[in-house]
N, C-alpha and C. Protein backbone atom coordinates (compact mmCIF):
# COMPACT_ATOMS: atom_id res chain seq x y z
N MET A 1 69.76 112.59 106.19
CA MET A 1 70.95 112.82 107.01
C MET A 1 71.67 111.52 107.32
N LEU A 2 70.85 110.48 107.66
CA LEU A 2 71.47 109.19 107.93
C LEU A 2 72.18 108.64 106.70
N GLY A 3 71.55 108.83 105.54
CA GLY A 3 72.17 108.36 104.30
C GLY A 3 73.47 109.08 104.01
N LEU A 4 73.49 110.40 104.22
CA LEU A 4 74.72 111.15 104.00
C LEU A 4 75.81 110.72 104.97
N GLY A 5 75.44 110.48 106.22
CA GLY A 5 76.43 110.03 107.21
C GLY A 5 77.01 108.69 106.85
N ALA A 6 76.15 107.75 106.42
CA ALA A 6 76.65 106.43 106.02
C ALA A 6 77.55 106.53 104.81
N GLY A 7 77.17 107.38 103.85
CA GLY A 7 78.01 107.56 102.67
C GLY A 7 79.36 108.13 103.02
N GLY A 8 79.38 109.06 103.98
CA GLY A 8 80.65 109.63 104.41
C GLY A 8 81.57 108.61 105.03
N LEU A 9 80.98 107.70 105.83
CA LEU A 9 81.80 106.66 106.46
C LEU A 9 82.40 105.73 105.42
N VAL A 10 81.62 105.41 104.40
CA VAL A 10 82.12 104.52 103.34
C VAL A 10 83.21 105.20 102.54
N ALA A 11 83.03 106.46 102.23
CA ALA A 11 83.98 107.17 101.36
C ALA A 11 85.22 107.65 102.08
N ALA A 12 85.17 107.79 103.41
CA ALA A 12 86.28 108.41 104.15
C ALA A 12 87.62 107.72 103.92
N PRO A 13 87.73 106.38 104.04
CA PRO A 13 89.05 105.76 103.83
C PRO A 13 89.61 106.01 102.43
N TYR A 14 88.71 105.97 101.41
CA TYR A 14 89.16 106.22 100.04
C TYR A 14 89.67 107.64 99.88
N LEU A 15 88.90 108.61 100.41
CA LEU A 15 89.30 110.00 100.31
C LEU A 15 90.60 110.27 101.04
N GLN A 16 90.77 109.64 102.23
CA GLN A 16 92.00 109.83 102.99
C GLN A 16 93.20 109.33 102.21
N ARG A 17 93.07 108.15 101.59
CA ARG A 17 94.19 107.62 100.79
C ARG A 17 94.51 108.54 99.64
N ARG A 18 93.48 109.07 98.98
CA ARG A 18 93.73 109.96 97.86
C ARG A 18 94.43 111.24 98.30
N ILE A 19 94.01 111.80 99.45
CA ILE A 19 94.64 113.01 99.97
C ILE A 19 96.09 112.73 100.33
N GLU A 20 96.34 111.58 101.00
CA GLU A 20 97.71 111.23 101.38
C GLU A 20 98.58 111.05 100.15
N ASP A 21 98.06 110.37 99.13
CA ASP A 21 98.83 110.15 97.90
C ASP A 21 99.15 111.49 97.23
N PHE A 22 98.16 112.38 97.20
CA PHE A 22 98.37 113.69 96.56
C PHE A 22 99.41 114.51 97.30
N LEU A 23 99.29 114.60 98.64
CA LEU A 23 100.24 115.38 99.41
C LEU A 23 101.64 114.80 99.33
N GLY A 24 101.73 113.47 99.36
CA GLY A 24 103.04 112.85 99.27
C GLY A 24 103.72 113.12 97.96
N ALA A 25 102.96 113.01 96.85
CA ALA A 25 103.53 113.28 95.53
C ALA A 25 103.88 114.75 95.39
N ALA A 26 103.01 115.63 95.90
CA ALA A 26 103.26 117.06 95.78
C ALA A 26 104.48 117.49 96.57
N SER A 27 104.72 116.85 97.71
CA SER A 27 105.85 117.25 98.55
C SER A 27 107.18 117.02 97.87
N ASP A 28 107.25 116.01 97.00
CA ASP A 28 108.49 115.73 96.27
C ASP A 28 108.84 116.83 95.28
N LYS A 29 107.84 117.63 94.90
CA LYS A 29 108.05 118.65 93.87
C LYS A 29 107.74 120.05 94.38
N ASP A 30 107.71 120.21 95.70
CA ASP A 30 107.30 121.48 96.30
C ASP A 30 108.49 122.20 96.91
N PRO A 31 109.09 123.18 96.21
CA PRO A 31 110.26 123.88 96.75
C PRO A 31 109.90 124.85 97.87
N THR A 32 108.59 125.15 98.04
CA THR A 32 108.17 126.13 99.04
C THR A 32 108.03 125.53 100.43
N GLY A 33 107.79 124.22 100.51
CA GLY A 33 107.56 123.58 101.81
C GLY A 33 106.15 123.74 102.33
N ILE A 34 105.24 124.33 101.51
CA ILE A 34 103.87 124.56 101.97
C ILE A 34 103.14 123.24 102.25
N THR A 35 103.40 122.20 101.44
CA THR A 35 102.72 120.94 101.66
C THR A 35 103.08 120.34 103.02
N GLY A 36 104.24 120.68 103.55
CA GLY A 36 104.64 120.18 104.86
C GLY A 36 103.84 120.76 106.00
N LEU A 37 103.06 121.82 105.72
CA LEU A 37 102.23 122.43 106.76
C LEU A 37 100.87 121.76 106.84
N LEU A 38 100.54 120.91 105.88
CA LEU A 38 99.21 120.33 105.80
C LEU A 38 99.22 118.91 106.35
N PRO A 39 98.39 118.62 107.38
CA PRO A 39 98.33 117.26 107.89
C PRO A 39 97.50 116.37 106.99
N ASN A 40 97.88 115.09 106.86
CA ASN A 40 96.98 114.16 106.20
C ASN A 40 96.11 113.51 107.27
N GLY A 41 95.34 112.51 106.87
CA GLY A 41 94.41 111.90 107.81
C GLY A 41 95.09 111.26 109.00
N GLY A 42 96.35 110.84 108.83
CA GLY A 42 97.06 110.20 109.93
C GLY A 42 97.77 111.17 110.83
N GLY A 43 97.70 112.46 110.53
CA GLY A 43 98.33 113.47 111.37
C GLY A 43 99.75 113.80 111.01
N PHE A 44 100.33 113.11 110.01
CA PHE A 44 101.71 113.36 109.61
C PHE A 44 101.80 114.54 108.66
N ARG A 45 102.98 115.14 108.59
CA ARG A 45 103.28 116.13 107.57
C ARG A 45 104.34 115.51 106.65
N TYR A 46 104.38 115.94 105.41
CA TYR A 46 105.35 115.43 104.46
C TYR A 46 106.48 116.44 104.28
N TYR A 47 107.70 116.00 104.54
CA TYR A 47 108.86 116.88 104.40
C TYR A 47 109.89 116.23 103.48
N SER A 48 110.48 117.05 102.63
CA SER A 48 111.62 116.61 101.83
C SER A 48 112.51 117.82 101.62
N VAL A 49 113.81 117.63 101.77
CA VAL A 49 114.75 118.73 101.56
C VAL A 49 115.36 118.68 100.16
N ALA A 50 114.97 117.68 99.39
CA ALA A 50 115.44 117.55 98.01
C ALA A 50 114.34 117.99 97.05
N THR A 51 114.71 118.45 95.87
CA THR A 51 113.71 118.89 94.90
C THR A 51 112.91 117.72 94.35
N SER A 52 113.50 116.53 94.32
CA SER A 52 112.78 115.32 93.92
C SER A 52 113.51 114.11 94.50
N VAL A 53 112.78 113.03 94.68
CA VAL A 53 113.35 111.82 95.26
C VAL A 53 113.02 110.65 94.34
N PRO A 54 114.01 109.89 93.90
CA PRO A 54 113.72 108.77 93.01
C PRO A 54 112.96 107.66 93.73
N GLN A 55 112.20 106.91 92.97
CA GLN A 55 111.48 105.76 93.51
C GLN A 55 112.42 104.55 93.52
N LYS A 56 112.37 103.77 94.60
CA LYS A 56 113.12 102.53 94.69
C LYS A 56 112.14 101.37 94.90
N ASN A 57 112.46 100.23 94.30
CA ASN A 57 111.57 99.07 94.41
C ASN A 57 112.36 97.83 94.78
N GLU A 58 111.71 96.68 94.66
CA GLU A 58 112.32 95.40 95.04
C GLU A 58 113.65 95.17 94.33
N ARG A 59 113.71 95.54 93.08
CA ARG A 59 114.92 95.27 92.29
C ARG A 59 116.00 96.33 92.49
N SER A 60 115.61 97.58 92.69
CA SER A 60 116.59 98.66 92.69
C SER A 60 117.08 99.07 94.08
N TYR A 61 116.36 98.71 95.14
CA TYR A 61 116.76 99.19 96.47
C TYR A 61 117.97 98.41 97.01
N ARG A 62 118.91 99.15 97.60
CA ARG A 62 120.04 98.56 98.31
C ARG A 62 120.37 99.39 99.54
N LEU A 63 120.73 98.71 100.62
CA LEU A 63 121.21 99.36 101.84
C LEU A 63 122.61 98.88 102.11
N THR A 64 123.57 99.80 102.18
CA THR A 64 124.96 99.43 102.44
C THR A 64 125.32 99.69 103.90
N VAL A 65 126.13 98.82 104.45
CA VAL A 65 126.68 98.98 105.80
C VAL A 65 128.19 98.93 105.66
N GLY A 66 128.88 100.01 106.05
CA GLY A 66 130.32 100.06 105.86
C GLY A 66 131.00 100.98 106.85
N GLY A 67 132.17 101.46 106.47
CA GLY A 67 132.95 102.30 107.37
C GLY A 67 133.88 101.45 108.22
N LEU A 68 133.92 101.73 109.52
CA LEU A 68 134.83 101.05 110.44
C LEU A 68 134.23 99.72 110.90
N VAL A 69 134.09 98.80 109.94
CA VAL A 69 133.53 97.47 110.23
C VAL A 69 134.42 96.41 109.60
N GLU A 70 134.31 95.21 110.13
CA GLU A 70 135.09 94.09 109.62
C GLU A 70 134.45 93.45 108.40
N HIS A 71 133.13 93.53 108.32
CA HIS A 71 132.42 92.85 107.23
C HIS A 71 131.41 93.78 106.58
N PRO A 72 131.85 94.63 105.67
CA PRO A 72 130.89 95.48 104.96
C PRO A 72 129.84 94.63 104.25
N ALA A 73 128.63 95.17 104.16
CA ALA A 73 127.54 94.38 103.59
C ALA A 73 126.61 95.26 102.78
N THR A 74 125.89 94.61 101.88
CA THR A 74 124.84 95.27 101.11
C THR A 74 123.59 94.41 101.22
N TYR A 75 122.47 95.04 101.58
CA TYR A 75 121.21 94.32 101.79
C TYR A 75 120.18 94.73 100.74
N THR A 76 119.50 93.73 100.20
CA THR A 76 118.30 93.97 99.40
C THR A 76 117.10 94.00 100.34
N LEU A 77 115.93 94.34 99.79
CA LEU A 77 114.72 94.31 100.60
C LEU A 77 114.43 92.90 101.10
N ASP A 78 114.60 91.92 100.24
CA ASP A 78 114.35 90.54 100.65
C ASP A 78 115.30 90.12 101.77
N ALA A 79 116.55 90.53 101.69
CA ALA A 79 117.51 90.18 102.73
C ALA A 79 117.13 90.81 104.06
N LEU A 80 116.65 92.05 104.05
CA LEU A 80 116.22 92.70 105.28
C LEU A 80 114.98 92.03 105.85
N ARG A 81 114.07 91.64 104.98
CA ARG A 81 112.85 90.97 105.44
C ARG A 81 113.14 89.61 106.06
N ALA A 82 114.22 88.98 105.62
CA ALA A 82 114.56 87.65 106.14
C ALA A 82 115.16 87.70 107.54
N LEU A 83 115.55 88.87 108.00
CA LEU A 83 116.14 89.02 109.34
C LEU A 83 115.05 89.13 110.40
N PRO A 84 115.38 88.85 111.67
CA PRO A 84 114.38 88.99 112.74
C PRO A 84 113.79 90.40 112.77
N GLN A 85 112.47 90.49 112.90
CA GLN A 85 111.76 91.76 112.87
C GLN A 85 111.31 92.15 114.28
N THR A 86 111.37 93.44 114.57
CA THR A 86 110.93 93.99 115.85
C THR A 86 109.85 95.04 115.58
N ARG A 87 108.79 95.00 116.39
CA ARG A 87 107.70 95.98 116.26
C ARG A 87 107.71 96.88 117.49
N VAL A 88 107.72 98.18 117.24
CA VAL A 88 107.72 99.19 118.30
C VAL A 88 106.54 100.11 118.10
N VAL A 89 105.80 100.39 119.16
CA VAL A 89 104.67 101.32 119.09
C VAL A 89 104.97 102.49 120.03
N ARG A 90 105.16 103.67 119.44
CA ARG A 90 105.49 104.86 120.21
C ARG A 90 104.79 106.07 119.59
N ASP A 91 104.72 107.16 120.35
CA ASP A 91 104.30 108.43 119.77
C ASP A 91 105.41 108.94 118.86
N VAL A 92 105.01 109.58 117.77
CA VAL A 92 105.95 110.29 116.90
C VAL A 92 105.85 111.78 117.22
N GLN A 93 106.97 112.41 117.51
CA GLN A 93 106.98 113.83 117.87
C GLN A 93 107.90 114.59 116.92
N CYS A 94 107.33 115.56 116.23
CA CYS A 94 108.14 116.44 115.38
C CYS A 94 108.61 117.64 116.18
N VAL A 95 109.78 118.12 115.87
CA VAL A 95 110.33 119.27 116.58
C VAL A 95 109.52 120.53 116.30
N THR A 96 108.70 120.53 115.25
CA THR A 96 107.85 121.68 114.96
C THR A 96 106.58 121.69 115.80
N GLY A 97 106.33 120.61 116.55
CA GLY A 97 105.22 120.62 117.51
C GLY A 97 104.16 119.57 117.33
N TRP A 98 103.94 119.06 116.12
CA TRP A 98 102.88 118.09 115.95
C TRP A 98 103.31 116.70 116.44
N ARG A 99 102.32 115.91 116.86
CA ARG A 99 102.56 114.57 117.40
C ARG A 99 101.52 113.61 116.86
N VAL A 100 101.95 112.38 116.52
CA VAL A 100 101.05 111.32 116.13
C VAL A 100 101.18 110.20 117.16
N PRO A 101 100.15 109.95 117.95
CA PRO A 101 100.27 108.99 119.04
C PRO A 101 100.25 107.53 118.58
N GLU A 102 100.93 106.70 119.35
CA GLU A 102 100.86 105.24 119.24
C GLU A 102 100.98 104.76 117.79
N THR A 103 102.10 105.09 117.18
CA THR A 103 102.35 104.71 115.78
C THR A 103 103.23 103.47 115.73
N PRO A 104 102.79 102.40 115.08
CA PRO A 104 103.62 101.19 114.98
C PRO A 104 104.69 101.32 113.90
N PHE A 105 105.89 100.89 114.24
CA PHE A 105 106.99 100.75 113.29
C PHE A 105 107.56 99.35 113.44
N SER A 106 107.90 98.72 112.32
CA SER A 106 108.47 97.37 112.35
C SER A 106 109.67 97.31 111.42
N GLY A 107 110.67 96.56 111.87
CA GLY A 107 111.86 96.38 111.04
C GLY A 107 112.96 95.68 111.80
N VAL A 108 114.16 95.87 111.32
CA VAL A 108 115.34 95.21 111.89
C VAL A 108 116.02 96.15 112.87
N ARG A 109 116.33 95.65 114.04
CA ARG A 109 117.09 96.48 114.98
C ARG A 109 118.43 96.87 114.36
N LEU A 110 118.75 98.14 114.45
CA LEU A 110 120.02 98.61 113.90
C LEU A 110 121.18 97.88 114.55
N SER A 111 121.07 97.56 115.81
CA SER A 111 122.14 96.86 116.52
C SER A 111 122.44 95.50 115.88
N LEU A 112 121.43 94.86 115.35
CA LEU A 112 121.64 93.56 114.69
C LEU A 112 122.52 93.71 113.46
N LEU A 113 122.27 94.76 112.67
CA LEU A 113 123.10 94.99 111.48
C LEU A 113 124.53 95.36 111.86
N LEU A 114 124.67 96.13 112.94
CA LEU A 114 126.01 96.51 113.39
C LEU A 114 126.78 95.29 113.90
N ASP A 115 126.10 94.41 114.63
CA ASP A 115 126.76 93.20 115.12
C ASP A 115 127.20 92.30 113.96
N ALA A 116 126.35 92.19 112.95
CA ALA A 116 126.69 91.36 111.79
C ALA A 116 127.89 91.94 111.03
N ALA A 117 128.01 93.26 111.04
CA ALA A 117 129.12 93.90 110.33
C ALA A 117 130.43 93.84 111.11
N GLY A 118 130.37 93.69 112.43
CA GLY A 118 131.58 93.66 113.24
C GLY A 118 132.18 95.04 113.40
N VAL A 119 131.65 95.82 114.33
CA VAL A 119 132.09 97.20 114.53
C VAL A 119 133.52 97.22 115.08
N GLY A 120 134.36 98.06 114.49
CA GLY A 120 135.76 98.17 114.89
C GLY A 120 135.93 98.86 116.24
N PRO A 121 137.07 98.65 116.91
CA PRO A 121 137.28 99.21 118.25
C PRO A 121 137.35 100.73 118.28
N GLU A 122 137.69 101.35 117.17
CA GLU A 122 137.79 102.81 117.13
C GLU A 122 136.46 103.49 116.82
N ALA A 123 135.41 102.71 116.62
CA ALA A 123 134.11 103.26 116.24
C ALA A 123 133.46 104.00 117.40
N LYS A 124 132.86 105.14 117.09
CA LYS A 124 132.18 105.95 118.11
C LYS A 124 130.78 106.39 117.68
N ALA A 125 130.49 106.34 116.38
CA ALA A 125 129.23 106.91 115.90
C ALA A 125 128.81 106.24 114.59
N ILE A 126 127.58 106.59 114.17
CA ILE A 126 127.02 106.09 112.92
C ILE A 126 126.55 107.28 112.10
N ARG A 127 126.85 107.25 110.80
CA ARG A 127 126.35 108.26 109.88
C ARG A 127 125.36 107.59 108.92
N PHE A 128 124.22 108.22 108.70
CA PHE A 128 123.19 107.69 107.82
C PHE A 128 123.06 108.60 106.60
N THR A 129 123.02 107.99 105.43
CA THR A 129 122.81 108.73 104.20
C THR A 129 121.57 108.19 103.49
N CYS A 130 121.04 108.99 102.57
CA CYS A 130 119.73 108.70 101.99
C CYS A 130 119.78 108.83 100.48
N PHE A 131 118.91 108.08 99.80
CA PHE A 131 118.97 108.10 98.34
C PHE A 131 118.24 109.30 97.73
N ASP A 132 117.81 110.26 98.56
CA ASP A 132 117.37 111.53 97.98
C ASP A 132 118.58 112.37 97.56
N GLY A 133 119.79 111.94 97.98
CA GLY A 133 121.01 112.61 97.59
C GLY A 133 121.37 113.82 98.42
N THR A 134 120.56 114.13 99.45
CA THR A 134 120.76 115.35 100.22
C THR A 134 120.79 115.10 101.72
N TYR A 135 119.85 114.32 102.22
CA TYR A 135 119.67 114.21 103.67
C TYR A 135 120.71 113.29 104.30
N SER A 136 121.06 113.60 105.55
CA SER A 136 121.95 112.75 106.33
C SER A 136 121.59 112.89 107.80
N GLU A 137 122.00 111.92 108.59
CA GLU A 137 121.76 111.97 110.03
C GLU A 137 122.89 111.23 110.75
N SER A 138 122.87 111.28 112.08
CA SER A 138 123.92 110.61 112.85
C SER A 138 123.40 110.22 114.22
N LEU A 139 124.04 109.22 114.79
CA LEU A 139 123.81 108.79 116.17
C LEU A 139 125.15 108.38 116.76
N THR A 140 125.27 108.48 118.07
CA THR A 140 126.43 107.85 118.70
C THR A 140 126.24 106.34 118.64
N LEU A 141 127.32 105.62 118.85
CA LEU A 141 127.22 104.16 118.80
C LEU A 141 126.28 103.64 119.89
N ALA A 142 126.35 104.24 121.09
CA ALA A 142 125.47 103.82 122.19
C ALA A 142 124.01 104.08 121.84
N GLN A 143 123.71 105.21 121.24
CA GLN A 143 122.33 105.50 120.84
C GLN A 143 121.86 104.52 119.78
N ALA A 144 122.72 104.22 118.83
CA ALA A 144 122.35 103.33 117.73
C ALA A 144 122.06 101.91 118.20
N ARG A 145 122.63 101.52 119.32
CA ARG A 145 122.44 100.15 119.81
C ARG A 145 121.20 99.99 120.68
N ARG A 146 120.43 101.05 120.88
CA ARG A 146 119.20 100.94 121.65
C ARG A 146 118.23 99.97 120.97
N ASP A 147 117.40 99.31 121.77
CA ASP A 147 116.43 98.37 121.23
C ASP A 147 115.31 99.05 120.44
N ASP A 148 115.12 100.35 120.63
CA ASP A 148 114.05 101.05 119.94
C ASP A 148 114.55 101.92 118.80
N VAL A 149 115.68 101.53 118.23
CA VAL A 149 116.20 102.17 117.01
C VAL A 149 116.16 101.12 115.90
N LEU A 150 115.32 101.36 114.90
CA LEU A 150 115.04 100.35 113.89
C LEU A 150 115.36 100.83 112.48
N VAL A 151 115.76 99.89 111.64
CA VAL A 151 115.75 100.07 110.19
C VAL A 151 114.40 99.54 109.74
N CYS A 152 113.48 100.45 109.42
CA CYS A 152 112.07 100.09 109.29
C CYS A 152 111.67 99.69 107.88
N LEU A 153 110.87 98.64 107.82
CA LEU A 153 110.26 98.18 106.58
C LEU A 153 108.76 98.42 106.59
N GLN A 154 108.19 98.60 107.79
CA GLN A 154 106.76 98.85 107.90
C GLN A 154 106.50 100.01 108.84
N MET A 155 105.45 100.76 108.52
CA MET A 155 105.00 101.89 109.33
C MET A 155 103.48 101.85 109.34
N GLN A 156 102.90 101.92 110.53
CA GLN A 156 101.45 101.78 110.68
C GLN A 156 100.98 100.43 110.12
N ASP A 157 101.83 99.41 110.32
CA ASP A 157 101.54 98.03 109.92
C ASP A 157 101.33 97.87 108.42
N LYS A 158 101.96 98.74 107.63
CA LYS A 158 101.96 98.63 106.18
C LYS A 158 103.38 98.91 105.70
N PRO A 159 103.75 98.40 104.51
CA PRO A 159 105.07 98.75 103.98
C PRO A 159 105.25 100.27 103.96
N VAL A 160 106.45 100.71 104.30
CA VAL A 160 106.71 102.15 104.33
C VAL A 160 106.55 102.69 102.90
N SER A 161 105.64 103.65 102.75
CA SER A 161 105.40 104.23 101.43
C SER A 161 106.55 105.15 101.03
N HIS A 162 106.59 105.46 99.76
CA HIS A 162 107.63 106.38 99.28
C HIS A 162 107.53 107.73 99.99
N SER A 163 106.33 108.22 100.16
CA SER A 163 106.15 109.54 100.79
C SER A 163 106.63 109.56 102.23
N HIS A 164 106.54 108.43 102.89
CA HIS A 164 106.99 108.32 104.28
C HIS A 164 108.45 107.86 104.39
N GLY A 165 109.16 107.82 103.26
CA GLY A 165 110.58 107.49 103.29
C GLY A 165 110.91 106.08 102.89
N GLY A 166 109.97 105.38 102.27
CA GLY A 166 110.18 103.99 101.90
C GLY A 166 110.99 103.82 100.62
N PRO A 167 111.40 102.59 100.40
CA PRO A 167 110.90 101.40 101.08
C PRO A 167 111.52 101.12 102.45
N VAL A 168 112.59 101.83 102.81
CA VAL A 168 113.26 101.61 104.10
C VAL A 168 113.62 102.96 104.70
N ARG A 169 113.28 103.15 105.96
CA ARG A 169 113.63 104.37 106.66
C ARG A 169 114.18 104.02 108.04
N LEU A 170 114.81 104.99 108.66
CA LEU A 170 115.27 104.84 110.04
C LEU A 170 114.16 105.27 110.99
N TYR A 171 114.10 104.64 112.16
CA TYR A 171 113.20 105.11 113.22
C TYR A 171 113.94 105.12 114.54
N VAL A 172 114.05 106.32 115.13
CA VAL A 172 114.72 106.51 116.42
C VAL A 172 113.65 106.94 117.41
N ALA A 173 113.07 105.99 118.13
CA ALA A 173 111.85 106.22 118.90
C ALA A 173 111.94 107.35 119.92
N PRO A 174 113.04 107.48 120.69
CA PRO A 174 113.02 108.49 121.75
C PRO A 174 113.43 109.89 121.32
N MET A 175 113.70 110.09 120.03
CA MET A 175 114.19 111.39 119.56
C MET A 175 113.20 112.05 118.61
N TYR A 176 113.35 113.36 118.44
CA TYR A 176 112.51 114.08 117.49
C TYR A 176 112.64 113.45 116.11
N PHE A 177 111.56 113.58 115.34
CA PHE A 177 111.40 112.77 114.14
C PHE A 177 112.42 113.08 113.05
N TYR A 178 113.09 114.22 113.11
CA TYR A 178 114.10 114.50 112.09
C TYR A 178 115.28 113.54 112.17
N LYS A 179 115.45 112.87 113.32
CA LYS A 179 116.51 111.86 113.43
C LYS A 179 116.17 110.58 112.68
N SER A 180 114.88 110.37 112.40
CA SER A 180 114.43 109.15 111.74
C SER A 180 114.49 109.33 110.22
N ALA A 181 115.68 109.24 109.69
CA ALA A 181 115.94 109.59 108.29
C ALA A 181 115.08 108.76 107.33
N LYS A 182 114.50 109.44 106.35
CA LYS A 182 113.73 108.78 105.30
C LYS A 182 114.65 108.36 104.15
N TRP A 183 114.15 107.42 103.34
CA TRP A 183 114.85 106.95 102.13
C TRP A 183 116.28 106.49 102.45
N LEU A 184 116.38 105.70 103.50
CA LEU A 184 117.69 105.27 104.00
C LEU A 184 118.41 104.39 102.97
N SER A 185 119.68 104.72 102.72
CA SER A 185 120.46 103.91 101.77
C SER A 185 121.86 103.57 102.27
N GLY A 186 122.36 104.27 103.29
CA GLY A 186 123.71 104.01 103.76
C GLY A 186 123.85 104.12 105.26
N ILE A 187 124.55 103.16 105.84
CA ILE A 187 124.88 103.16 107.27
C ILE A 187 126.40 103.05 107.35
N THR A 188 127.04 104.10 107.84
CA THR A 188 128.50 104.14 107.87
C THR A 188 128.98 104.32 109.31
N VAL A 189 129.80 103.40 109.78
CA VAL A 189 130.36 103.48 111.13
C VAL A 189 131.57 104.41 111.09
N THR A 190 131.60 105.39 112.00
CA THR A 190 132.63 106.42 111.98
C THR A 190 133.31 106.55 113.34
N SER A 191 134.40 107.31 113.36
CA SER A 191 135.15 107.51 114.60
C SER A 191 134.65 108.70 115.41
N GLU A 192 133.74 109.49 114.83
CA GLU A 192 133.17 110.63 115.54
C GLU A 192 131.81 110.98 114.94
N VAL A 193 131.02 111.69 115.72
CA VAL A 193 129.71 112.11 115.25
C VAL A 193 129.86 113.19 114.19
N ARG A 194 129.22 113.00 113.06
CA ARG A 194 129.20 114.01 112.00
C ARG A 194 127.79 114.58 111.94
N PRO A 195 127.60 115.84 112.26
CA PRO A 195 126.25 116.42 112.28
C PRO A 195 125.51 116.19 110.97
N GLY A 196 124.20 115.91 111.08
CA GLY A 196 123.38 115.67 109.92
C GLY A 196 122.84 116.95 109.31
N TYR A 197 121.92 116.79 108.37
CA TYR A 197 121.41 117.92 107.59
C TYR A 197 120.86 119.02 108.48
N TRP A 198 119.97 118.69 109.40
CA TRP A 198 119.35 119.73 110.23
C TRP A 198 120.28 120.20 111.34
N GLU A 199 121.17 119.34 111.82
CA GLU A 199 122.14 119.78 112.83
C GLU A 199 123.06 120.87 112.27
N GLU A 200 123.40 120.75 111.00
CA GLU A 200 124.22 121.78 110.36
C GLU A 200 123.47 123.10 110.24
N ARG A 201 122.16 123.05 110.46
CA ARG A 201 121.33 124.25 110.36
C ARG A 201 120.76 124.65 111.72
N GLY A 202 121.38 124.17 112.80
CA GLY A 202 121.04 124.66 114.12
C GLY A 202 120.29 123.73 115.04
N TYR A 203 119.82 122.59 114.55
CA TYR A 203 119.11 121.65 115.42
C TYR A 203 120.11 120.90 116.31
N ASP A 204 119.63 120.41 117.45
CA ASP A 204 120.50 119.66 118.36
C ASP A 204 120.90 118.32 117.76
N VAL A 205 122.15 117.93 117.99
CA VAL A 205 122.62 116.61 117.55
C VAL A 205 121.99 115.51 118.40
N ASP A 206 121.93 115.71 119.71
CA ASP A 206 121.23 114.79 120.60
C ASP A 206 119.80 115.30 120.73
N ALA A 207 118.88 114.65 120.05
CA ALA A 207 117.53 115.22 119.88
C ALA A 207 116.49 114.49 120.72
N TRP A 208 116.76 114.27 121.99
CA TRP A 208 115.81 113.60 122.87
C TRP A 208 114.53 114.43 122.98
N VAL A 209 113.38 113.78 122.81
CA VAL A 209 112.11 114.49 122.92
C VAL A 209 111.93 115.01 124.34
N GLY A 210 111.65 116.31 124.45
CA GLY A 210 111.42 116.92 125.75
C GLY A 210 112.66 117.36 126.48
N ALA A 211 113.83 117.13 125.89
CA ALA A 211 115.08 117.51 126.56
C ALA A 211 116.07 118.14 125.60
N SER A 212 115.59 118.66 124.47
CA SER A 212 116.49 119.23 123.48
C SER A 212 115.75 120.26 122.64
N ASN A 213 116.50 121.03 121.88
CA ASN A 213 115.96 122.02 120.96
C ASN A 213 115.09 123.07 121.64
N GLY A 214 115.28 123.25 122.96
CA GLY A 214 114.54 124.27 123.69
C GLY A 214 113.07 123.98 123.88
N ARG A 215 112.66 122.72 123.66
CA ARG A 215 111.26 122.35 123.77
C ARG A 215 111.00 121.59 125.07
N SER A 216 109.74 121.52 125.44
CA SER A 216 109.36 120.82 126.68
C SER A 216 108.26 119.79 126.42
N ASP A 217 108.31 119.14 125.24
CA ASP A 217 107.32 118.13 124.90
C ASP A 217 107.44 116.93 125.84
N THR A 218 106.34 116.25 126.04
CA THR A 218 106.36 115.02 126.83
C THR A 218 107.22 113.98 126.12
N PRO A 219 108.18 113.36 126.80
CA PRO A 219 109.02 112.35 126.15
C PRO A 219 108.17 111.25 125.50
N THR A 220 108.65 110.70 124.42
CA THR A 220 107.91 109.67 123.69
C THR A 220 108.17 108.27 124.21
N VAL A 221 109.08 108.12 125.15
CA VAL A 221 109.39 106.80 125.69
C VAL A 221 109.27 106.87 127.22
């Protein structure tokens, strides 16, 4: 029994990684959404609204910042890494009910990118687009400037994996996780809020945890 227990402890991290890799890959090709019901070892579920998502790497990834700004910009991964990094540790809360406590996210504050771009006086909101070709999200300008809204390069103190929306994803700490768009590729400053993918399907645009979508979850901040 002791031998079996010791063997289980040794094998557990390897098995967890294999399960996470399998579920992540399967979710990209799963039109039924069944894989999204299965938790991996970290408690996360894998969701994608696209039939497949291309892989991006050091050479191919780009993040554009444009719209109502004075200085439109395009960032590579190296350029984002060279900027000041912020680490935030918060619970992750999905609107479907599951929660992953005390999850570290690290990256560039969205406000820093907006300041570098020079937001125009008529700006009121931000629209986010993703390289899956389908997903989008939005925040008001005031929400986007919060210190706990990040353009993330790391999740759980590791580079954001493809399955988790890497190499770069959005993280909006005080809101339900659907606001934290995966596979982030575009940040566009706009004159009004444009509802994102799930908002067009009935979810709240202002998705504060515990104060929206008819739920009473404990706030994450």
